[in-house]
Amino acid sequence: MSEDDLDRNRRHFLTVATAVTGVAGLTAAVIPFISSLKPSARAQALGAPVEVSIGSLKPGEMIRVLWRGRLVFVLRRTEEMLSRLSANIENLRDPDSVEVEQQPDYAVNETRSVRPEYLIVEGSCTHLGCAPIEDFEVRPTESWGGGFFCPCHGSKFDLAGRVFKGVPAPTNLRVPPYRFITDDLIMIGQDSGAV
């Protein structure tokens, strides 16, 4: 082998070795940079949709879940509860859910829900963010057909989360985006393909 061939082979080897080392170094530098653009696990958890099993929820029962750090009420209404929604309409501030930002389009109805049997609302009073308590007992003498009551400042909401007139809360309880995955499972925080 001549000295020129030997020189050429060394140059070729050094070129290939330098290129491989450069690509490896560039990859090592780019991976952390690209990874830093992804949201953290905490940020993903705060914004991630939440699956809620409702298969064991009996009529008249309610569960509470957390979504994005907010309390969400999931109430399975009885037929009696549903029949009370049309009573006391004159006492409600926004019975037709006209306030657009309070619910998705599919919840602009008397029951404020995809399926009338289930009410899914954020458990945060629209006055100052207190957590209303459920009070499903009917008291006709008080024109109360059951619903949610905020003990802090006296705001009242019916069994569809609609606010009463003459209370501090200005708007209905918010309906978060949600959808039914199956009859026994809902996803709160995502409503594409709402069933």
N, C-alpha and C. Protein backbone atom coordinates (compact mmCIF):
# COMPACT_ATOMS: atom_id res chain seq x y z
N MET A 1 0.84 -1.16 0.00
CA MET A 1 0.00 0.00 0.00
C MET A 1 0.89 1.23 0.00
N SER A 2 0.57 2.16 -0.87
CA SER A 2 1.41 3.36 -1.00
C SER A 2 1.07 4.34 0.12
N GLU A 3 2.01 5.29 0.25
CA GLU A 3 1.82 6.29 1.29
C GLU A 3 0.61 7.16 1.01
N ASP A 4 0.28 7.44 -0.24
CA ASP A 4 -0.91 8.23 -0.60
C ASP A 4 -2.18 7.48 -0.22
N ASP A 5 -2.20 6.16 -0.46
CA ASP A 5 -3.39 5.36 -0.09
C ASP A 5 -3.56 5.35 1.43
N LEU A 6 -2.44 5.23 2.12
CA LEU A 6 -2.48 5.23 3.58
C LEU A 6 -3.00 6.57 4.09
N ASP A 7 -2.52 7.67 3.52
CA ASP A 7 -2.97 9.01 3.90
C ASP A 7 -4.47 9.18 3.63
N ARG A 8 -4.91 8.70 2.48
CA ARG A 8 -6.32 8.80 2.09
C ARG A 8 -7.20 8.00 3.07
N ASN A 9 -6.77 6.83 3.44
CA ASN A 9 -7.53 5.99 4.39
C ASN A 9 -7.61 6.66 5.76
N ARG A 10 -6.50 7.26 6.20
CA ARG A 10 -6.52 7.96 7.48
C ARG A 10 -7.47 9.15 7.44
N ARG A 11 -7.40 9.93 6.36
CA ARG A 11 -8.29 11.08 6.22
C ARG A 11 -9.75 10.64 6.20
N HIS A 12 -10.04 9.58 5.49
CA HIS A 12 -11.40 9.06 5.40
C HIS A 12 -11.87 8.61 6.80
N PHE A 13 -10.99 7.89 7.50
CA PHE A 13 -11.33 7.43 8.85
C PHE A 13 -11.59 8.62 9.77
N LEU A 14 -10.69 9.63 9.72
CA LEU A 14 -10.87 10.81 10.58
C LEU A 14 -12.14 11.58 10.22
N THR A 15 -12.47 11.66 8.94
CA THR A 15 -13.70 12.35 8.51
C THR A 15 -14.93 11.62 9.05
N VAL A 16 -14.96 10.31 8.90
CA VAL A 16 -16.11 9.52 9.37
C VAL A 16 -16.20 9.59 10.89
N ALA A 17 -15.07 9.45 11.60
CA ALA A 17 -15.06 9.51 13.06
C ALA A 17 -15.52 10.87 13.55
N THR A 18 -15.09 11.94 12.90
CA THR A 18 -15.50 13.29 13.29
C THR A 18 -17.00 13.49 13.04
N ALA A 19 -17.49 13.02 11.92
CA ALA A 19 -18.91 13.15 11.60
C ALA A 19 -19.77 12.39 12.61
N VAL A 20 -19.38 11.15 12.93
CA VAL A 20 -20.13 10.35 13.91
C VAL A 20 -20.12 11.02 15.27
N THR A 21 -18.96 11.50 15.71
CA THR A 21 -18.84 12.19 17.00
C THR A 21 -19.70 13.46 17.00
N GLY A 22 -19.68 14.20 15.89
CA GLY A 22 -20.48 15.43 15.79
C GLY A 22 -21.98 15.14 15.87
N VAL A 23 -22.44 14.11 15.18
CA VAL A 23 -23.86 13.74 15.21
C VAL A 23 -24.26 13.29 16.61
N ALA A 24 -23.41 12.50 17.26
CA ALA A 24 -23.70 12.05 18.62
C ALA A 24 -23.76 13.24 19.58
N GLY A 25 -22.82 14.18 19.44
CA GLY A 25 -22.82 15.38 20.29
C GLY A 25 -24.03 16.25 20.06
N LEU A 26 -24.40 16.42 18.80
CA LEU A 26 -25.58 17.22 18.46
C LEU A 26 -26.85 16.58 19.02
N THR A 27 -26.95 15.27 18.90
CA THR A 27 -28.11 14.55 19.43
C THR A 27 -28.17 14.71 20.94
N ALA A 28 -27.03 14.57 21.60
CA ALA A 28 -26.99 14.72 23.05
C ALA A 28 -27.38 16.13 23.49
N ALA A 29 -27.10 17.12 22.68
CA ALA A 29 -27.45 18.50 23.02
C ALA A 29 -28.91 18.81 22.70
N VAL A 30 -29.47 18.22 21.65
CA VAL A 30 -30.82 18.54 21.19
C VAL A 30 -31.89 17.84 22.05
N ILE A 31 -31.62 16.61 22.48
CA ILE A 31 -32.63 15.86 23.23
C ILE A 31 -33.09 16.61 24.49
N PRO A 32 -32.20 17.09 25.35
CA PRO A 32 -32.68 17.84 26.52
C PRO A 32 -33.44 19.12 26.14
N PHE A 33 -32.99 19.77 25.07
CA PHE A 33 -33.68 20.99 24.63
C PHE A 33 -35.11 20.68 24.21
N ILE A 34 -35.30 19.65 23.40
CA ILE A 34 -36.64 19.27 22.95
C ILE A 34 -37.48 18.80 24.14
N SER A 35 -36.88 18.05 25.05
CA SER A 35 -37.60 17.58 26.24
C SER A 35 -38.06 18.74 27.10
N SER A 36 -37.30 19.81 27.14
CA SER A 36 -37.69 20.96 27.96
C SER A 36 -38.91 21.67 27.40
N LEU A 37 -39.24 21.46 26.14
CA LEU A 37 -40.42 22.09 25.54
C LEU A 37 -41.71 21.37 25.92
N LYS A 38 -41.62 20.11 26.34
CA LYS A 38 -42.81 19.37 26.76
C LYS A 38 -43.27 19.87 28.12
N PRO A 39 -44.59 19.89 28.39
CA PRO A 39 -45.04 20.29 29.72
C PRO A 39 -44.61 19.26 30.76
N SER A 40 -44.41 19.74 31.96
CA SER A 40 -43.99 18.83 33.04
C SER A 40 -45.12 17.87 33.39
N ALA A 41 -44.80 16.83 34.14
CA ALA A 41 -45.81 15.85 34.56
C ALA A 41 -46.88 16.54 35.40
N ARG A 42 -46.46 17.50 36.22
CA ARG A 42 -47.42 18.24 37.05
C ARG A 42 -48.37 19.06 36.18
N ALA A 43 -47.82 19.74 35.18
CA ALA A 43 -48.65 20.54 34.29
C ALA A 43 -49.60 19.65 33.49
N GLN A 44 -49.12 18.50 33.06
CA GLN A 44 -49.99 17.57 32.33
C GLN A 44 -51.12 17.08 33.22
N ALA A 45 -50.81 16.78 34.47
CA ALA A 45 -51.84 16.29 35.39
C ALA A 45 -52.87 17.36 35.68
N LEU A 46 -52.44 18.61 35.78
CA LEU A 46 -53.39 19.69 36.06
C LEU A 46 -54.35 19.94 34.91
N GLY A 47 -53.92 19.70 33.70
CA GLY A 47 -54.77 19.98 32.56
C GLY A 47 -55.37 18.74 31.92
N ALA A 48 -55.01 17.59 32.41
CA ALA A 48 -55.44 16.35 31.78
C ALA A 48 -56.91 16.06 32.08
N PRO A 49 -57.59 15.46 31.11
CA PRO A 49 -58.96 15.01 31.38
C PRO A 49 -58.97 13.92 32.44
N VAL A 50 -60.10 13.79 33.12
CA VAL A 50 -60.25 12.82 34.20
C VAL A 50 -61.37 11.86 33.84
N GLU A 51 -61.09 10.55 33.93
CA GLU A 51 -62.13 9.55 33.72
C GLU A 51 -62.80 9.27 35.04
N VAL A 52 -64.15 9.22 35.04
CA VAL A 52 -64.92 8.99 36.25
C VAL A 52 -65.88 7.83 36.01
N SER A 53 -65.78 6.83 36.85
CA SER A 53 -66.68 5.69 36.77
C SER A 53 -67.99 6.05 37.48
N ILE A 54 -69.11 5.91 36.77
CA ILE A 54 -70.41 6.24 37.36
C ILE A 54 -71.32 5.02 37.41
N GLY A 55 -70.77 3.84 37.15
CA GLY A 55 -71.56 2.62 37.11
C GLY A 55 -72.22 2.28 38.43
N SER A 56 -71.58 2.60 39.55
CA SER A 56 -72.14 2.25 40.86
C SER A 56 -72.95 3.40 41.46
N LEU A 57 -73.07 4.52 40.76
CA LEU A 57 -73.80 5.68 41.26
C LEU A 57 -75.30 5.42 41.16
N LYS A 58 -75.97 5.42 42.31
CA LYS A 58 -77.40 5.16 42.36
C LYS A 58 -78.17 6.46 42.17
N PRO A 59 -79.41 6.41 41.68
CA PRO A 59 -80.22 7.63 41.55
C PRO A 59 -80.31 8.37 42.90
N GLY A 60 -80.07 9.66 42.86
CA GLY A 60 -80.09 10.48 44.07
C GLY A 60 -78.73 10.63 44.72
N GLU A 61 -77.72 9.91 44.25
CA GLU A 61 -76.38 9.99 44.82
C GLU A 61 -75.50 10.95 44.02
N MET A 62 -74.51 11.50 44.72
CA MET A 62 -73.58 12.43 44.08
C MET A 62 -72.16 12.07 44.50
N ILE A 63 -71.23 12.20 43.57
CA ILE A 63 -69.81 12.04 43.89
C ILE A 63 -69.09 13.34 43.56
N ARG A 64 -67.95 13.51 44.18
CA ARG A 64 -67.11 14.68 43.92
C ARG A 64 -65.79 14.19 43.36
N VAL A 65 -65.32 14.87 42.32
CA VAL A 65 -64.02 14.54 41.73
C VAL A 65 -63.23 15.82 41.53
N LEU A 66 -61.93 15.69 41.38
CA LEU A 66 -61.09 16.85 41.10
C LEU A 66 -60.66 16.82 39.65
N TRP A 67 -60.79 17.96 39.00
CA TRP A 67 -60.33 18.14 37.62
C TRP A 67 -59.68 19.51 37.55
N ARG A 68 -58.42 19.55 37.14
CA ARG A 68 -57.64 20.79 37.07
C ARG A 68 -57.64 21.54 38.40
N GLY A 69 -57.64 20.79 39.49
CA GLY A 69 -57.63 21.40 40.81
C GLY A 69 -58.98 21.96 41.22
N ARG A 70 -60.01 21.70 40.44
CA ARG A 70 -61.35 22.19 40.75
C ARG A 70 -62.25 21.02 41.16
N LEU A 71 -63.15 21.32 42.08
CA LEU A 71 -64.12 20.33 42.52
C LEU A 71 -65.24 20.23 41.48
N VAL A 72 -65.59 19.01 41.10
CA VAL A 72 -66.68 18.78 40.15
C VAL A 72 -67.68 17.84 40.79
N PHE A 73 -68.98 18.24 40.74
CA PHE A 73 -70.06 17.40 41.25
C PHE A 73 -70.62 16.56 40.11
N VAL A 74 -70.80 15.27 40.36
CA VAL A 74 -71.47 14.38 39.42
C VAL A 74 -72.68 13.82 40.16
N LEU A 75 -73.86 14.29 39.78
CA LEU A 75 -75.11 13.90 40.45
C LEU A 75 -75.95 13.07 39.50
N ARG A 76 -76.39 11.92 39.99
CA ARG A 76 -77.34 11.11 39.23
C ARG A 76 -78.72 11.46 39.76
N ARG A 77 -79.47 12.19 38.95
CA ARG A 77 -80.78 12.67 39.38
C ARG A 77 -81.85 11.59 39.25
N THR A 78 -82.77 11.63 40.19
CA THR A 78 -83.92 10.71 40.14
C THR A 78 -84.98 11.32 39.21
N GLU A 79 -85.98 10.53 38.87
CA GLU A 79 -87.10 11.04 38.07
C GLU A 79 -87.79 12.19 38.80
N GLU A 80 -87.92 12.07 40.12
CA GLU A 80 -88.56 13.13 40.91
C GLU A 80 -87.74 14.42 40.83
N MET A 81 -86.42 14.29 40.94
CA MET A 81 -85.55 15.47 40.84
C MET A 81 -85.71 16.14 39.49
N LEU A 82 -85.76 15.33 38.43
CA LEU A 82 -85.92 15.89 37.08
C LEU A 82 -87.26 16.59 36.93
N SER A 83 -88.31 16.04 37.55
CA SER A 83 -89.63 16.67 37.44
C SER A 83 -89.68 18.01 38.16
N ARG A 84 -88.80 18.22 39.14
CA ARG A 84 -88.77 19.50 39.88
C ARG A 84 -88.05 20.61 39.12
N LEU A 85 -87.36 20.29 38.04
CA LEU A 85 -86.60 21.32 37.32
C LEU A 85 -87.48 22.39 36.69
N SER A 86 -88.72 22.05 36.35
CA SER A 86 -89.59 23.05 35.73
C SER A 86 -90.34 23.89 36.77
N ALA A 87 -90.26 23.51 38.04
CA ALA A 87 -90.88 24.30 39.10
C ALA A 87 -89.98 25.48 39.45
N ASN A 88 -90.56 26.54 39.91
CA ASN A 88 -89.83 27.73 40.38
C ASN A 88 -88.98 28.40 39.30
N ILE A 89 -89.34 28.22 38.04
CA ILE A 89 -88.58 28.87 36.95
C ILE A 89 -88.54 30.39 37.16
N GLU A 90 -89.64 30.94 37.65
CA GLU A 90 -89.72 32.40 37.84
C GLU A 90 -88.75 32.90 38.91
N ASN A 91 -88.25 32.00 39.77
CA ASN A 91 -87.30 32.39 40.82
C ASN A 91 -85.84 32.28 40.38
N LEU A 92 -85.60 31.83 39.15
CA LEU A 92 -84.23 31.64 38.67
C LEU A 92 -83.76 32.84 37.86
N ARG A 93 -82.50 33.18 38.02
CA ARG A 93 -81.91 34.32 37.31
C ARG A 93 -81.68 34.01 35.83
N ASP A 94 -81.20 32.82 35.51
CA ASP A 94 -80.90 32.43 34.13
C ASP A 94 -81.42 31.02 33.86
N PRO A 95 -82.77 30.86 33.82
CA PRO A 95 -83.33 29.51 33.68
C PRO A 95 -83.02 28.85 32.34
N ASP A 96 -82.80 29.65 31.30
CA ASP A 96 -82.55 29.10 29.96
C ASP A 96 -81.07 28.99 29.64
N SER A 97 -80.21 29.22 30.61
CA SER A 97 -78.76 29.12 30.44
C SER A 97 -78.28 29.97 29.26
N VAL A 98 -78.68 31.24 29.28
CA VAL A 98 -78.31 32.17 28.20
C VAL A 98 -76.84 32.57 28.30
N GLU A 99 -76.31 32.65 29.51
CA GLU A 99 -74.91 33.03 29.72
C GLU A 99 -74.01 32.00 29.04
N VAL A 100 -73.39 32.37 27.94
CA VAL A 100 -72.68 31.44 27.07
C VAL A 100 -71.50 30.74 27.75
N GLU A 101 -70.72 31.46 28.52
CA GLU A 101 -69.50 30.88 29.09
C GLU A 101 -69.75 29.90 30.23
N GLN A 102 -70.98 29.69 30.62
CA GLN A 102 -71.28 28.84 31.77
C GLN A 102 -71.40 27.36 31.42
N GLN A 103 -71.57 27.04 30.14
CA GLN A 103 -71.72 25.65 29.75
C GLN A 103 -71.45 25.49 28.26
N PRO A 104 -71.05 24.29 27.85
CA PRO A 104 -70.89 24.01 26.41
C PRO A 104 -72.27 24.02 25.73
N ASP A 105 -72.27 24.12 24.43
CA ASP A 105 -73.53 24.19 23.67
C ASP A 105 -74.45 23.00 23.94
N TYR A 106 -73.88 21.81 24.11
CA TYR A 106 -74.71 20.63 24.31
C TYR A 106 -75.39 20.62 25.68
N ALA A 107 -75.04 21.55 26.57
CA ALA A 107 -75.67 21.61 27.89
C ALA A 107 -76.60 22.81 28.02
N VAL A 108 -76.94 23.44 26.91
CA VAL A 108 -77.90 24.55 26.95
C VAL A 108 -79.29 23.94 26.77
N ASN A 109 -79.82 23.44 27.87
CA ASN A 109 -81.16 22.86 27.90
C ASN A 109 -81.64 22.90 29.34
N GLU A 110 -82.85 22.46 29.59
CA GLU A 110 -83.41 22.55 30.94
C GLU A 110 -82.59 21.77 31.96
N THR A 111 -82.06 20.64 31.56
CA THR A 111 -81.30 19.81 32.50
C THR A 111 -79.83 20.19 32.57
N ARG A 112 -79.37 21.03 31.63
CA ARG A 112 -77.96 21.45 31.53
C ARG A 112 -77.03 20.26 31.49
N SER A 113 -77.39 19.27 30.68
CA SER A 113 -76.59 18.05 30.61
C SER A 113 -76.76 17.35 29.27
N VAL A 114 -75.84 16.43 28.99
CA VAL A 114 -75.93 15.61 27.79
C VAL A 114 -77.05 14.59 27.96
N ARG A 115 -77.05 13.94 29.10
CA ARG A 115 -78.10 12.97 29.45
C ARG A 115 -78.81 13.52 30.68
N PRO A 116 -80.12 13.70 30.61
CA PRO A 116 -80.86 14.35 31.71
C PRO A 116 -80.62 13.74 33.08
N GLU A 117 -80.37 12.46 33.14
CA GLU A 117 -80.19 11.77 34.42
C GLU A 117 -78.95 12.26 35.17
N TYR A 118 -77.93 12.73 34.45
CA TYR A 118 -76.66 13.11 35.09
C TYR A 118 -76.41 14.61 35.00
N LEU A 119 -76.13 15.20 36.15
CA LEU A 119 -75.71 16.60 36.20
C LEU A 119 -74.23 16.61 36.53
N ILE A 120 -73.45 17.33 35.72
CA ILE A 120 -72.01 17.45 35.95
C ILE A 120 -71.70 18.94 35.94
N VAL A 121 -71.37 19.48 37.13
CA VAL A 121 -71.08 20.91 37.27
C VAL A 121 -69.87 21.10 38.16
N GLU A 122 -69.20 22.23 37.99
CA GLU A 122 -68.11 22.58 38.88
C GLU A 122 -68.70 22.98 40.22
N GLY A 123 -68.14 22.45 41.28
CA GLY A 123 -68.63 22.73 42.63
C GLY A 123 -68.00 23.96 43.21
N SER A 124 -68.14 25.07 42.51
CA SER A 124 -67.56 26.33 42.93
C SER A 124 -68.58 27.43 42.71
N CYS A 125 -69.00 28.08 43.80
CA CYS A 125 -69.99 29.14 43.70
C CYS A 125 -69.45 30.25 42.80
N THR A 126 -70.29 30.76 41.94
CA THR A 126 -69.85 31.79 40.99
C THR A 126 -69.76 33.17 41.64
N HIS A 127 -70.01 33.25 42.93
CA HIS A 127 -69.87 34.53 43.64
C HIS A 127 -68.40 34.73 44.03
N LEU A 128 -67.92 33.91 44.97
CA LEU A 128 -66.53 34.05 45.42
C LEU A 128 -65.75 32.74 45.39
N GLY A 129 -66.30 31.72 44.77
CA GLY A 129 -65.58 30.46 44.62
C GLY A 129 -65.70 29.50 45.79
N CYS A 130 -66.63 29.76 46.70
CA CYS A 130 -66.85 28.84 47.83
C CYS A 130 -67.43 27.53 47.28
N ALA A 131 -67.40 26.49 48.09
CA ALA A 131 -67.95 25.19 47.68
C ALA A 131 -69.37 25.04 48.20
N PRO A 132 -70.37 25.07 47.31
CA PRO A 132 -71.75 24.87 47.77
C PRO A 132 -71.94 23.45 48.28
N ILE A 133 -72.89 23.30 49.18
CA ILE A 133 -73.21 21.97 49.70
C ILE A 133 -74.52 21.51 49.08
N GLU A 134 -74.67 20.21 48.94
CA GLU A 134 -75.90 19.68 48.38
C GLU A 134 -76.99 19.70 49.45
N ASP A 135 -78.18 20.09 49.05
CA ASP A 135 -79.35 20.11 49.91
C ASP A 135 -80.52 19.67 49.04
N PHE A 136 -80.72 18.36 48.97
CA PHE A 136 -81.72 17.81 48.06
C PHE A 136 -83.10 17.68 48.70
N GLU A 137 -83.23 18.07 49.97
CA GLU A 137 -84.52 17.98 50.66
C GLU A 137 -85.47 19.06 50.14
N VAL A 138 -86.69 18.66 49.83
CA VAL A 138 -87.71 19.58 49.33
C VAL A 138 -88.37 20.29 50.50
N ARG A 139 -88.45 21.64 50.42
CA ARG A 139 -89.14 22.43 51.44
C ARG A 139 -90.06 23.42 50.72
N PRO A 140 -91.31 23.00 50.46
CA PRO A 140 -92.23 23.85 49.71
C PRO A 140 -92.49 25.20 50.36
N THR A 141 -92.45 25.27 51.68
CA THR A 141 -92.72 26.55 52.35
C THR A 141 -91.64 27.58 52.04
N GLU A 142 -90.47 27.12 51.64
CA GLU A 142 -89.37 28.03 51.30
C GLU A 142 -89.17 28.13 49.79
N SER A 143 -90.08 27.55 49.02
CA SER A 143 -89.93 27.46 47.55
C SER A 143 -88.61 26.79 47.18
N TRP A 144 -88.26 25.77 47.94
CA TRP A 144 -86.99 25.07 47.72
C TRP A 144 -87.29 23.66 47.25
N GLY A 145 -86.90 23.36 46.01
CA GLY A 145 -87.11 22.03 45.45
C GLY A 145 -85.86 21.17 45.50
N GLY A 146 -84.87 21.63 46.25
CA GLY A 146 -83.62 20.91 46.35
C GLY A 146 -82.59 21.49 45.39
N GLY A 147 -81.35 21.29 45.74
CA GLY A 147 -80.27 21.79 44.89
C GLY A 147 -79.00 21.98 45.69
N PHE A 148 -78.34 23.11 45.46
CA PHE A 148 -77.06 23.40 46.10
C PHE A 148 -77.14 24.75 46.80
N PHE A 149 -76.56 24.81 47.99
CA PHE A 149 -76.62 26.01 48.81
C PHE A 149 -75.21 26.38 49.25
N CYS A 150 -74.86 27.64 49.07
CA CYS A 150 -73.54 28.12 49.50
C CYS A 150 -73.71 28.79 50.86
N PRO A 151 -73.26 28.14 51.93
CA PRO A 151 -73.49 28.67 53.28
C PRO A 151 -72.70 29.95 53.58
N CYS A 152 -71.67 30.23 52.80
CA CYS A 152 -70.84 31.41 53.07
C CYS A 152 -71.61 32.72 52.89
N HIS A 153 -72.33 32.83 51.78
CA HIS A 153 -73.02 34.08 51.48
C HIS A 153 -74.48 33.88 51.06
N GLY A 154 -74.96 32.65 51.10
CA GLY A 154 -76.38 32.40 50.87
C GLY A 154 -76.81 32.19 49.43
N SER A 155 -75.89 31.95 48.52
CA SER A 155 -76.28 31.70 47.13
C SER A 155 -76.95 30.33 47.03
N LYS A 156 -77.97 30.25 46.17
CA LYS A 156 -78.71 29.00 45.98
C LYS A 156 -78.76 28.65 44.50
N PHE A 157 -78.68 27.34 44.23
CA PHE A 157 -78.72 26.82 42.87
C PHE A 157 -79.68 25.64 42.85
N ASP A 158 -80.44 25.48 41.77
CA ASP A 158 -81.38 24.35 41.69
C ASP A 158 -80.66 23.07 41.28
N LEU A 159 -81.43 22.03 41.00
CA LEU A 159 -80.87 20.72 40.68
C LEU A 159 -80.25 20.65 39.28
N ALA A 160 -80.24 21.77 38.55
CA ALA A 160 -79.53 21.86 37.28
C ALA A 160 -78.37 22.85 37.41
N GLY A 161 -78.11 23.31 38.64
CA GLY A 161 -77.03 24.26 38.86
C GLY A 161 -77.38 25.67 38.43
N ARG A 162 -78.68 25.96 38.25
CA ARG A 162 -79.11 27.31 37.85
C ARG A 162 -79.29 28.18 39.09
N VAL A 163 -78.80 29.40 39.05
CA VAL A 163 -78.78 30.29 40.20
C VAL A 163 -80.15 30.95 40.41
N PHE A 164 -80.50 31.12 41.68
CA PHE A 164 -81.74 31.80 42.05
C PHE A 164 -81.54 33.31 41.97
N LYS A 165 -82.63 34.03 41.82
CA LYS A 165 -82.59 35.49 41.86
C LYS A 165 -82.38 35.94 43.31
N GLY A 166 -81.83 37.15 43.48
CA GLY A 166 -81.70 37.74 44.80
C GLY A 166 -80.61 37.15 45.68
N VAL A 167 -79.66 36.46 45.08
CA VAL A 167 -78.53 35.92 45.84
C VAL A 167 -77.24 36.52 45.28
N PRO A 168 -76.14 36.47 46.02
CA PRO A 168 -74.89 37.09 45.54
C PRO A 168 -74.31 36.48 44.27
N ALA A 169 -74.49 35.19 44.04
CA ALA A 169 -73.90 34.55 42.85
C ALA A 169 -74.53 35.14 41.60
N PRO A 170 -73.72 35.59 40.65
CA PRO A 170 -74.25 36.24 39.46
C PRO A 170 -74.70 35.28 38.35
N THR A 171 -74.10 34.08 38.32
CA THR A 171 -74.38 33.17 37.20
C THR A 171 -74.57 31.74 37.70
N ASN A 172 -75.05 30.89 36.79
CA ASN A 172 -75.22 29.47 37.08
C ASN A 172 -73.88 28.81 37.36
N LEU A 173 -73.92 27.64 38.00
CA LEU A 173 -72.70 26.86 38.17
C LEU A 173 -72.18 26.46 36.80
N ARG A 174 -70.88 26.43 36.63
CA ARG A 174 -70.28 26.09 35.34
C ARG A 174 -70.39 24.60 35.06
N VAL A 175 -70.67 24.29 33.80
CA VAL A 175 -70.65 22.90 33.33
C VAL A 175 -69.32 22.71 32.60
N PRO A 176 -68.46 21.83 33.09
CA PRO A 176 -67.18 21.62 32.42
C PRO A 176 -67.39 20.82 31.13
N PRO A 177 -66.44 20.85 30.23
CA PRO A 177 -66.55 19.98 29.05
C PRO A 177 -66.48 18.52 29.51
N TYR A 178 -67.35 17.70 28.99
CA TYR A 178 -67.33 16.28 29.35
C TYR A 178 -68.00 15.47 28.26
N ARG A 179 -67.78 14.18 28.32
CA ARG A 179 -68.43 13.27 27.38
C ARG A 179 -68.56 11.89 28.02
N PHE A 180 -69.49 11.12 27.50
CA PHE A 180 -69.66 9.75 27.95
C PHE A 180 -68.79 8.86 27.07
N ILE A 181 -67.89 8.11 27.69
CA ILE A 181 -67.08 7.14 26.96
C ILE A 181 -67.91 5.88 26.76
N THR A 182 -68.53 5.43 27.85
CA THR A 182 -69.49 4.33 27.83
C THR A 182 -70.64 4.76 28.74
N ASP A 183 -71.64 3.91 28.91
CA ASP A 183 -72.74 4.25 29.80
C ASP A 183 -72.28 4.39 31.25
N ASP A 184 -71.18 3.75 31.60
CA ASP A 184 -70.70 3.75 32.98
C ASP A 184 -69.43 4.57 33.20
N LEU A 185 -68.99 5.29 32.18
CA LEU A 185 -67.72 6.01 32.29
C LEU A 185 -67.81 7.34 31.56
N ILE A 186 -67.45 8.41 32.29
CA ILE A 186 -67.43 9.74 31.66
C ILE A 186 -66.00 10.28 31.70
N MET A 187 -65.73 11.19 30.79
CA MET A 187 -64.44 11.88 30.77
C MET A 187 -64.71 13.36 30.95
N ILE A 188 -64.20 13.91 32.04
CA ILE A 188 -64.35 15.33 32.32
C ILE A 188 -63.10 16.03 31.82
N GLY A 189 -63.31 17.10 31.05
CA GLY A 189 -62.18 17.85 30.51
C GLY A 189 -62.01 17.67 29.03
N GLN A 190 -62.81 16.81 28.45
CA GLN A 190 -62.74 16.58 27.00
C GLN A 190 -64.16 16.27 26.51
N ASP A 191 -64.59 17.00 25.51
CA ASP A 191 -65.95 16.77 25.04
C ASP A 191 -66.03 16.43 23.56
N SER A 192 -64.90 16.24 22.90
CA SER A 192 -64.96 15.86 21.49
C SER A 192 -65.60 14.48 21.40
N GLY A 193 -66.59 14.39 20.57
CA GLY A 193 -67.32 13.14 20.42
C GLY A 193 -68.28 12.90 21.56
N ALA A 194 -68.84 14.00 22.13
CA ALA A 194 -69.79 13.86 23.25
C ALA A 194 -70.96 12.99 22.83
N VAL A 195 -71.29 12.03 23.70
CA VAL A 195 -72.38 11.09 23.40
C VAL A 195 -73.57 11.47 24.24
